[in-house]
Protein backbone atom coordinates (compact mmCIF):
# COMPACT_ATOMS: atom_id res chain seq x y z
CA MET A 1 -49.35 124.19 34.60
CA GLN A 2 -47.26 122.34 36.67
CA ASN A 3 -48.25 118.96 35.03
CA ALA A 4 -48.14 119.96 31.44
CA ARG A 5 -46.42 117.48 29.09
CA SER A 6 -44.69 118.00 25.74
CA ILE A 7 -45.92 116.68 22.44
CA SER A 8 -43.38 113.97 22.11
CA GLU A 9 -44.26 112.88 25.86
CA LEU A 10 -47.79 112.81 24.68
CA ASN A 11 -47.19 110.66 21.84
CA ARG A 12 -45.08 108.26 23.63
CA LEU A 13 -47.81 107.76 26.13
CA ILE A 14 -50.29 107.13 23.20
CA GLN A 15 -47.84 104.83 22.03
CA GLN A 16 -47.41 102.96 25.28
CA ALA A 17 -51.08 102.69 25.69
CA LEU A 18 -51.44 101.34 22.17
CA GLU A 19 -49.06 98.75 22.65
CA THR A 20 -50.15 97.65 26.10
CA GLU A 21 -53.95 97.57 25.48
CA LEU A 22 -54.35 96.15 21.76
CA ASP A 23 -53.11 92.94 20.48
CA PRO A 24 -50.51 92.87 18.29
CA VAL A 25 -52.50 91.93 15.15
CA ILE A 26 -56.53 92.80 14.65
CA TRP A 27 -58.72 91.95 11.91
CA VAL A 28 -60.87 94.90 10.53
CA ILE A 29 -63.27 95.59 8.00
CA GLY A 30 -63.10 98.62 5.65
CA GLU A 31 -63.62 99.67 2.39
CA ILE A 32 -60.29 100.51 -0.01
CA ALA A 33 -60.00 104.18 -0.95
CA ASP A 34 -57.00 106.43 -2.38
CA PHE A 35 -54.90 103.21 -3.35
CA ARG A 36 -51.56 103.88 -4.65
CA GLN A 37 -48.57 101.95 -5.43
CA ALA A 38 -44.99 103.33 -4.81
CA PRO A 39 -42.09 102.68 -7.07
CA GLN A 40 -40.45 100.58 -4.14
CA GLY A 41 -43.17 98.06 -4.51
CA HIS A 42 -45.07 99.34 -1.28
CA ALA A 43 -48.77 99.82 -1.40
CA TYR A 44 -50.49 103.03 0.48
CA PHE A 45 -54.24 103.41 0.91
CA GLU A 46 -56.83 104.36 3.40
CA LEU A 47 -59.57 101.84 5.31
CA VAL A 48 -62.67 103.76 5.30
CA GLU A 49 -65.91 102.83 6.94
CA LYS A 50 -69.06 104.34 5.19
CA GLN A 51 -72.84 104.61 6.22
CA GLY A 52 -74.34 104.97 2.60
CA ASN A 53 -72.15 107.45 1.03
CA GLN A 54 -71.25 109.29 4.11
CA VAL A 55 -67.79 108.36 5.37
CA GLN A 56 -68.03 107.59 9.22
CA ALA A 57 -64.37 106.62 9.89
CA LYS A 58 -60.81 105.99 7.99
CA ILE A 59 -57.36 105.38 8.76
CA LYS A 60 -54.20 105.38 6.65
CA ALA A 61 -52.81 101.90 5.63
CA ASN A 62 -49.66 100.63 4.60
CA LEU A 63 -48.83 97.55 2.74
CA TRP A 64 -45.02 96.92 2.52
CA SER A 65 -43.36 95.43 -0.69
CA PHE A 66 -42.65 92.06 0.48
CA ALA A 67 -46.08 91.34 2.12
CA TYR A 68 -47.75 93.24 -0.63
CA ARG A 69 -46.41 90.81 -3.38
CA ALA A 70 -47.54 87.85 -1.67
CA VAL A 71 -51.14 89.16 -0.35
CA ALA A 72 -51.84 90.56 -3.94
CA ALA A 73 -51.12 87.42 -5.81
CA ARG A 74 -53.01 85.05 -3.44
CA PHE A 75 -55.97 87.48 -3.56
CA GLU A 76 -55.86 87.95 -7.35
CA SER A 77 -55.51 84.10 -7.69
CA ILE A 78 -58.82 83.46 -5.66
CA THR A 79 -61.10 86.44 -6.53
CA GLY A 80 -59.88 86.94 -10.20
CA SER A 81 -59.19 90.44 -9.39
CA SER A 82 -56.36 92.99 -8.17
CA ILE A 83 -56.70 94.82 -4.91
CA LYS A 84 -58.16 98.29 -5.85
CA ASN A 85 -60.29 101.11 -4.75
CA GLY A 86 -63.88 100.35 -3.80
CA MET A 87 -63.18 96.87 -2.59
CA LYS A 88 -64.80 95.86 0.93
CA VAL A 89 -62.12 93.72 2.48
CA LEU A 90 -61.42 91.95 5.65
CA ALA A 91 -57.53 92.66 6.61
CA GLN A 92 -55.31 91.66 9.44
CA VAL A 93 -53.42 94.86 10.68
CA ALA A 94 -51.12 95.80 13.21
CA VAL A 95 -51.50 99.36 14.67
CA ASN A 96 -48.53 101.61 14.69
CA PHE A 97 -48.21 105.30 16.12
CA HIS A 98 -45.32 107.36 14.94
CA PRO A 99 -44.56 110.61 16.85
CA VAL A 100 -44.22 112.53 13.62
CA TYR A 101 -46.60 111.04 11.05
CA GLY A 102 -49.11 109.74 13.60
CA LEU A 103 -51.62 106.66 13.71
CA SER A 104 -51.51 104.26 10.72
CA ILE A 105 -51.91 100.39 10.29
CA ASN A 106 -49.70 98.02 8.61
CA VAL A 107 -51.50 95.44 6.58
CA LYS A 108 -50.37 91.92 7.12
CA ASP A 109 -52.75 90.06 5.29
CA ILE A 110 -56.24 90.26 3.27
CA ASP A 111 -58.69 87.59 3.34
CA PRO A 112 -59.99 87.05 -0.34
CA SER A 113 -62.98 84.69 0.71
CA PHE A 114 -64.35 87.63 2.56
CA SER A 115 -64.30 89.94 -0.45
CA LEU A 116 -66.24 87.28 -2.41
CA GLY A 117 -68.87 86.67 0.47
CA GLU A 118 -69.20 90.32 0.86
CA ARG A 119 -69.81 90.77 -3.11
CA ALA A 120 -72.34 87.72 -2.92
CA ARG A 121 -74.19 89.20 0.08
CA ILE A 122 -74.39 92.70 -1.63
CA ARG A 123 -75.23 90.83 -5.12
CA GLN A 124 -78.32 88.90 -3.45
CA GLU A 125 -79.53 92.12 -1.70
CA THR A 126 -79.78 93.98 -4.98
CA ILE A 127 -81.45 90.94 -6.57
CA ASP A 128 -84.03 90.99 -3.79
CA ARG A 129 -84.51 94.52 -4.06
CA LEU A 130 -85.06 94.72 -7.74
CA THR A 131 -87.56 91.68 -7.24
CA THR A 132 -89.42 93.20 -4.58
CA GLU A 133 -89.79 96.61 -6.71
CA GLY A 134 -91.11 94.37 -9.39
CA ILE A 135 -88.55 95.48 -12.01
CA ILE A 136 -86.35 92.62 -12.55
CA ARG A 137 -87.96 91.32 -15.71
CA LEU A 138 -89.36 94.70 -16.59
CA ASN A 139 -87.30 95.59 -19.80
CA ALA A 140 -88.46 92.05 -20.95
CA ARG A 141 -91.82 93.65 -21.64
CA HIS A 142 -90.45 95.06 -24.85
CA LEU A 143 -91.11 93.15 -27.90
CA LEU A 144 -88.05 92.54 -30.25
CA PRO A 145 -88.35 93.29 -33.94
CA ALA A 146 -88.31 90.30 -36.18
CA VAL A 147 -84.95 91.92 -37.46
CA ILE A 148 -82.94 94.37 -35.47
CA GLN A 149 -81.36 96.47 -37.93
CA LYS A 150 -80.20 99.66 -36.02
CA ILE A 151 -78.65 99.20 -32.59
CA ALA A 152 -76.72 101.34 -30.17
CA ILE A 153 -73.49 99.96 -28.49
CA ILE A 154 -72.23 100.46 -24.85
CA SER A 155 -68.71 99.34 -24.81
CA SER A 156 -65.07 100.44 -24.42
CA PRO A 157 -63.90 101.50 -27.98
CA THR A 158 -60.65 99.99 -27.41
CA ALA A 159 -61.90 96.53 -25.82
CA ALA A 160 -61.30 93.45 -27.92
CA GLY A 161 -64.74 92.38 -27.45
CA TYR A 162 -65.92 95.39 -29.16
CA GLY A 163 -63.65 94.60 -32.09
CA ASP A 164 -64.74 91.30 -32.33
CA PHE A 165 -68.32 92.06 -32.37
CA VAL A 166 -68.09 94.75 -34.91
CA ASN A 167 -66.04 92.56 -37.05
CA GLN A 168 -68.75 89.58 -36.86
CA LEU A 169 -71.56 91.95 -37.58
CA GLU A 170 -69.89 93.63 -40.52
CA ASN A 171 -68.11 90.69 -42.19
CA ASN A 172 -71.13 88.10 -41.94
CA ALA A 173 -71.45 85.59 -44.68
CA TYR A 174 -74.68 86.53 -45.58
CA GLY A 175 -74.00 90.15 -46.19
CA TYR A 176 -76.59 91.29 -43.77
CA GLN A 177 -76.56 95.08 -42.77
CA VAL A 178 -76.73 96.22 -39.37
CA TYR A 179 -76.42 100.05 -38.50
CA HIS A 180 -74.49 100.36 -35.50
CA LYS A 181 -73.49 103.45 -33.23
CA LEU A 182 -70.97 103.29 -30.30
CA PHE A 183 -71.51 105.08 -26.99
CA PRO A 184 -68.13 104.89 -25.29
CA SER A 185 -68.29 103.78 -21.61
CA ALA A 186 -65.70 102.83 -18.73
CA MET A 187 -66.52 99.20 -18.26
CA GLN A 188 -64.95 98.76 -14.64
CA GLY A 189 -63.67 100.80 -11.73
CA ASN A 190 -65.19 103.23 -9.78
CA GLU A 191 -66.39 105.57 -12.66
CA ALA A 192 -67.91 102.62 -14.39
CA VAL A 193 -71.50 102.81 -13.23
CA ALA A 194 -72.11 106.63 -13.61
CA SER A 195 -70.33 106.29 -17.25
CA LEU A 196 -72.74 103.21 -17.95
CA THR A 197 -75.58 105.19 -16.80
CA ARG A 198 -74.67 108.41 -18.64
CA SER A 199 -74.54 106.30 -21.76
CA LEU A 200 -77.92 104.71 -21.44
CA GLU A 201 -79.17 108.31 -21.08
CA GLU A 202 -77.38 109.65 -24.17
CA ILE A 203 -79.02 106.92 -26.19
CA ASP A 204 -82.60 107.57 -24.70
CA ALA A 205 -81.99 111.12 -25.91
CA VAL A 206 -81.29 110.20 -29.74
CA LYS A 207 -83.14 106.90 -30.07
CA GLU A 208 -85.88 108.42 -31.89
CA GLU A 209 -83.56 110.50 -34.21
CA LEU A 210 -81.36 107.47 -34.97
CA GLY A 211 -84.21 105.07 -35.18
CA VAL A 212 -82.50 102.56 -32.58
CA GLU A 213 -84.12 99.60 -32.10
CA ALA A 214 -82.18 97.94 -29.38
CA VAL A 215 -79.25 98.65 -27.10
CA VAL A 216 -76.24 96.12 -26.85
CA LEU A 217 -74.01 96.27 -23.75
CA ILE A 218 -70.98 94.17 -24.29
CA ARG A 219 -67.52 93.57 -22.39
CA GLY A 220 -65.27 91.08 -23.05
CA GLY A 221 -65.26 89.21 -19.71
CA GLY A 222 -62.81 89.86 -16.94
CA ALA A 223 -62.04 88.99 -13.27
CA GLN A 224 -65.47 88.62 -10.74
CA LEU A 225 -64.54 91.51 -9.06
CA ASP A 226 -63.91 93.56 -12.11
CA LEU A 227 -67.52 92.92 -13.20
CA ASP A 228 -68.69 94.62 -9.81
CA CYS A 229 -70.08 97.60 -11.51
CA PHE A 230 -72.79 95.28 -13.39
CA ASP A 231 -73.98 94.21 -10.27
CA ASP A 232 -74.54 97.73 -9.19
CA TYR A 233 -78.50 98.58 -8.30
CA ARG A 234 -78.49 102.00 -9.91
CA LEU A 235 -77.50 100.35 -13.08
CA ALA A 236 -79.58 97.54 -13.18
CA ALA A 237 -82.72 99.85 -12.40
CA LYS A 238 -81.88 102.11 -15.29
CA ILE A 239 -81.56 99.15 -17.67
CA ALA A 240 -84.80 97.69 -16.22
CA ASN A 241 -86.80 100.90 -16.70
CA PHE A 242 -85.10 101.69 -20.35
CA PRO A 243 -87.69 102.21 -23.07
CA LEU A 244 -85.71 99.98 -25.61
CA PRO A 245 -84.92 96.19 -25.05
CA VAL A 246 -81.50 95.82 -23.64
CA LEU A 247 -79.19 92.86 -24.70
CA THR A 248 -76.09 92.08 -22.67
CA GLY A 249 -72.86 90.19 -23.68
CA ILE A 250 -70.76 91.06 -20.67
CA GLY A 251 -69.01 88.09 -19.51
CA HIS A 252 -67.58 84.43 -19.81
CA GLU A 253 -69.75 81.43 -19.67
CA ARG A 254 -69.17 81.30 -15.55
CA ASP A 255 -70.24 84.98 -14.99
CA GLU A 256 -73.96 86.24 -14.84
CA SER A 257 -74.25 89.99 -13.52
CA ILE A 258 -77.35 91.53 -12.47
CA ALA A 259 -77.26 93.44 -15.55
CA ASP A 260 -77.88 90.14 -17.09
CA LEU A 261 -80.80 89.36 -14.91
CA VAL A 262 -82.66 92.57 -15.67
CA ALA A 263 -81.68 92.70 -19.42
CA HIS A 264 -84.40 91.74 -21.96
CA THR A 265 -81.88 89.05 -23.38
CA LYS A 266 -78.62 87.82 -21.85
CA LEU A 267 -75.98 86.45 -23.97
CA LYS A 268 -72.70 85.31 -22.71
CA THR A 269 -70.08 87.06 -24.93
CA PRO A 270 -70.16 89.94 -27.61
CA THR A 271 -69.82 87.24 -30.33
CA ALA A 272 -72.77 85.69 -29.03
CA VAL A 273 -74.79 88.85 -29.26
CA ALA A 274 -73.67 89.39 -32.79
CA GLU A 275 -74.68 85.83 -33.68
CA PHE A 276 -78.05 86.45 -31.90
CA LEU A 277 -78.45 89.59 -34.20
CA LEU A 278 -77.52 87.79 -37.49
CA SER A 279 -79.73 84.56 -36.63
CA GLY A 280 -82.62 87.01 -36.52
CA PHE A 281 -81.69 87.83 -40.19
CA ARG A 282 -81.28 84.40 -40.97
CA GLU A 283 -84.42 83.06 -39.30
CA PHE A 284 -86.58 85.87 -40.97
CA GLU A 285 -84.98 84.89 -44.40
CA GLU A 286 -85.53 81.27 -43.82
CA ASN A 287 -89.26 82.07 -42.68
CA LEU A 288 -89.72 84.19 -45.56
CA GLY A 289 -88.37 81.62 -47.81
CA LEU A 290 -90.80 79.07 -46.29
CA ALA A 291 -93.78 81.44 -46.54
CA MET A 292 -92.81 82.01 -50.23
CA LEU A 293 -92.44 78.27 -50.73
CA ARG A 294 -95.96 77.82 -48.98
CA LEU A 295 -97.54 80.54 -50.79
CA ASP A 296 -96.27 79.18 -53.97
CA ARG A 297 -97.51 75.67 -53.31
CA ALA A 298 -100.91 76.63 -51.92
CA THR A 299 -101.19 79.11 -55.21
CA ARG A 300 -100.39 75.97 -57.39
CA GLN A 301 -102.90 73.87 -55.43
CA LYS A 302 -105.55 76.55 -55.47
CA LEU A 303 -105.07 77.07 -59.42
CA SER A 304 -105.28 73.39 -59.95
CA GLU A 305 -108.43 73.17 -57.92
CA GLU A 306 -109.79 76.23 -59.41
CA GLN A 307 -108.96 74.90 -62.87
CA THR A 308 -110.77 71.43 -62.30
CA ARG A 309 -113.64 73.62 -60.91
CA ILE A 310 -113.68 75.56 -64.05
CA HIS A 311 -113.49 72.46 -66.33
CA GLN A 312 -116.56 70.96 -64.17
CA ILE A 313 -118.59 74.44 -64.54
CA ALA A 314 -117.60 74.23 -68.29
CA HIS A 315 -118.99 70.90 -68.53
CA GLN A 316 -122.20 71.72 -66.84
CA VAL A 317 -122.66 75.18 -68.40
CA LYS A 318 -122.26 73.36 -71.85
CA ALA A 319 -124.76 70.48 -70.74
CA LEU A 320 -127.21 73.00 -69.36
CA SER A 321 -126.72 75.36 -72.46
CA GLU A 322 -127.31 72.33 -74.75
CA SER A 323 -130.16 71.29 -73.08
CA ARG A 324 -131.77 74.98 -72.74
CA LEU A 325 -130.99 75.43 -76.31
CA LYS A 326 -132.87 72.15 -77.17
CA LEU A 327 -135.55 73.23 -74.77
CA GLU A 328 -135.89 76.64 -76.52
CA ALA A 329 -135.53 75.00 -79.94
CA GLU A 330 -138.63 72.86 -79.18
CA LYS A 331 -140.43 75.99 -77.77
CA LEU A 332 -139.39 78.01 -80.88
CA ASN A 333 -140.61 75.26 -83.20
CA SER A 334 -143.84 74.96 -81.32
CA SER A 335 -144.09 78.85 -81.56
CA ILE A 336 -143.48 78.80 -85.18
CA ASN A 337 -146.04 76.01 -85.76
CA ARG A 338 -148.53 77.91 -83.61
CA ILE A 339 -147.55 80.99 -85.63
CA ARG A 340 -147.83 79.35 -89.04
CA ILE A 341 -151.12 77.79 -88.01
CA SER A 342 -152.51 81.05 -86.46
CA GLY A 343 -151.03 82.83 -89.43
CA LYS A 344 -152.76 80.80 -91.88
CA ASN A 345 -156.26 81.18 -89.78
CA ILE A 346 -155.51 85.00 -89.92
CA LEU A 347 -154.66 84.95 -93.57
CA GLN A 348 -157.80 82.91 -94.02
CA ILE A 349 -160.01 85.19 -92.21
CA GLN A 350 -158.39 88.22 -93.47
CA GLU A 351 -158.89 87.05 -97.22
CA ASN A 352 -162.62 86.30 -96.30
CA ALA A 353 -163.02 89.62 -94.99
CA LEU A 354 -160.75 91.25 -98.19
CA ASP A 355 -163.30 89.02 -100.11
CA SER A 356 -166.21 90.48 -98.46
CA LEU A 357 -164.67 93.92 -98.43
CA GLU A 358 -164.17 93.66 -102.21
CA LYS A 359 -167.67 92.68 -102.90
CA ASN A 360 -169.11 95.60 -100.77
CA LEU A 361 -166.41 97.75 -102.38
CA LYS A 362 -167.57 96.70 -105.84
CA ARG A 363 -171.28 97.08 -105.17
CA GLY A 364 -170.53 100.40 -103.54
CA LEU A 365 -168.36 101.57 -106.27
CA ASP A 366 -171.01 100.46 -108.89
CA SER A 367 -173.73 102.39 -106.95
CA PHE A 368 -171.15 105.42 -106.59
CA LEU A 369 -170.34 105.43 -110.19
CA GLN A 370 -173.92 104.86 -111.12
CA LYS A 371 -174.85 108.03 -108.92
CA GLN A 372 -171.87 109.86 -110.13
CA SER A 373 -172.92 109.01 -113.72
CA GLN A 374 -176.46 110.32 -113.20
CA ASN A 375 -175.14 113.29 -111.50
CA LEU A 376 -172.71 114.16 -114.41
CA ASP A 377 -175.58 113.43 -116.86
CA SER A 378 -177.75 116.18 -114.90
CA LYS A 379 -174.68 118.39 -114.60
CA GLU A 380 -174.11 118.04 -118.24
CA SER A 381 -177.74 118.76 -119.28
CA LEU A 382 -177.54 121.64 -117.18
CA LEU A 383 -174.28 122.81 -118.29
CA ARG A 384 -175.61 122.53 -121.97
CA GLN A 385 -178.67 124.74 -121.08
CA LEU A 386 -176.39 127.14 -119.44
CA ASN A 387 -174.01 127.29 -122.47
CA PRO A 388 -173.98 130.82 -124.03
CA THR A 389 -174.01 129.21 -127.41
CA ALA A 390 -177.03 127.25 -126.49
CA ILE A 391 -178.75 130.41 -125.59
CA LEU A 392 -177.58 132.24 -128.47
CA ALA A 393 -179.17 129.31 -130.43
CA ARG A 394 -182.19 129.92 -129.10
CA GLY A 395 -182.40 133.55 -130.23
CA TYR A 396 -180.83 135.23 -127.70
CA THR A 397 -177.94 138.01 -128.31
CA ARG A 398 -174.94 139.03 -125.96
CA THR A 399 -174.04 142.75 -126.09
CA GLU A 400 -170.56 144.06 -124.81
CA ILE A 401 -168.44 147.49 -124.58
CA ASN A 402 -164.88 147.08 -124.64
CA GLY A 403 -165.20 143.30 -124.00
CA LYS A 404 -167.32 144.01 -120.83
CA PRO A 405 -171.03 142.82 -120.68
CA ILE A 406 -173.21 145.97 -120.99
CA ASN A 407 -174.85 145.49 -117.81
CA THR A 408 -171.58 145.95 -116.09
CA ALA A 409 -170.09 148.77 -118.09
CA LYS A 410 -170.76 152.41 -117.70
CA ILE A 411 -172.29 153.28 -121.16
CA GLN A 412 -172.49 156.63 -122.84
CA LEU A 413 -173.79 158.34 -126.10
CA GLY A 414 -171.44 157.31 -128.94
CA ASP A 415 -170.01 154.05 -127.39
CA GLU A 416 -169.57 151.46 -129.80
CA LEU A 417 -171.46 148.19 -129.14
CA GLN A 418 -170.52 144.63 -130.24
CA THR A 419 -173.62 142.23 -130.19
CA HIS A 420 -172.88 138.65 -130.79
CA THR A 421 -175.57 136.16 -132.12
CA SER A 422 -175.31 132.35 -132.62
CA LYS A 423 -173.94 133.16 -136.16
CA GLN A 424 -172.98 136.99 -136.30
CA LYS A 425 -170.95 139.76 -134.41
CA ILE A 426 -173.02 142.97 -134.82
CA SER A 427 -171.28 146.55 -134.10
CA SER A 428 -173.23 149.65 -133.53
CA THR A 429 -172.97 153.20 -131.96
CA ILE A 430 -175.45 154.31 -129.35
CA THR A 431 -177.35 157.29 -130.21
CA GLN A 432 -179.95 157.34 -127.46
CA ILE A 433 -180.06 155.95 -123.95
CA GLU A 434 -183.40 155.73 -122.27
CA GLU A 435 -183.47 155.08 -118.39
CA LYS A 436 -186.00 152.46 -117.04
């Protein structure tokens, strides 16, 4: 090729074209990535353009030490945060092309008001999305226990706010006991959202085993841009849909993050969260004391009323009893009189009946005795007639053989007979027997 150029010539043409076609300085919008500070004080990073999570374009950027000190100081004084990865910034840059190191930009200035405005725009878009999806107050559906006794804490273990929170819980003046377990998490930076979400998932997995009643998300405040992770939609949606009430204390009085908006209960600081938990104990104890006082008062009043009622009933019972006893006594006396009169009449009747019976019995007995006497006389006369002595007296005799009547004995010749008369006993011997 007759028109072929060397690499250095090509680079020189590119550099000439850039210097001719571009303004000396240009304002560009990009997200800071791979930010690092050199020992000499220079800052090196990339400005990235993204669509979603996909990088569409990027360019190397340099912020020399002299400019970096001024730009970083002003940025931090206005935004409350240092320049760091993940920030979307409006930067004034000069395009530089080096034959060996290629294309880069030198950052001359960064507009802090743009970062604040961009942050506000993204924040409002997130709030609008949560509202449209109907979950911005979803976590508030959970009922807080009257006394929260078991909590899971999401915080950095080294944060002063966490130490203040635990100290206030464990050293409260009332001796209340709150079980708490820390689930450590990064609280700022690019990894904060993933770390916070992971901690919530860990709590969800063990909430039944530990008996957790609420989640406490605390951070001891910080610069506004340091709190950007708490405006992230992913974290907000996770909090909104979490199956337990989430309490937040992640900023100072002037800060309100989207995590605060979706949380069940928003409190300004970690110590305010601790005070809120302890106040539940105090309120429950006070309500219990008031309930006991009202119960005692109501019991005393009820006992007094019942005692008065018992006295009234006792008087009524006594009066009714006396009246009834008097009435029953009168009825008894009347019955006694009737019985007495009836008894006298019955006795008189029975007496008359007895007299009549006595007379009849006497007449019957006399008649019976007379008849019996006559009967006895007749039987006596008959007995006299039948008496063997009387028979013998009339000239009859009685003959026996061995004490048996002769008519019943078996007689033989030679048997000895005993013959009885009224005055004699005659013995004889059978010498002849004639059959008739």
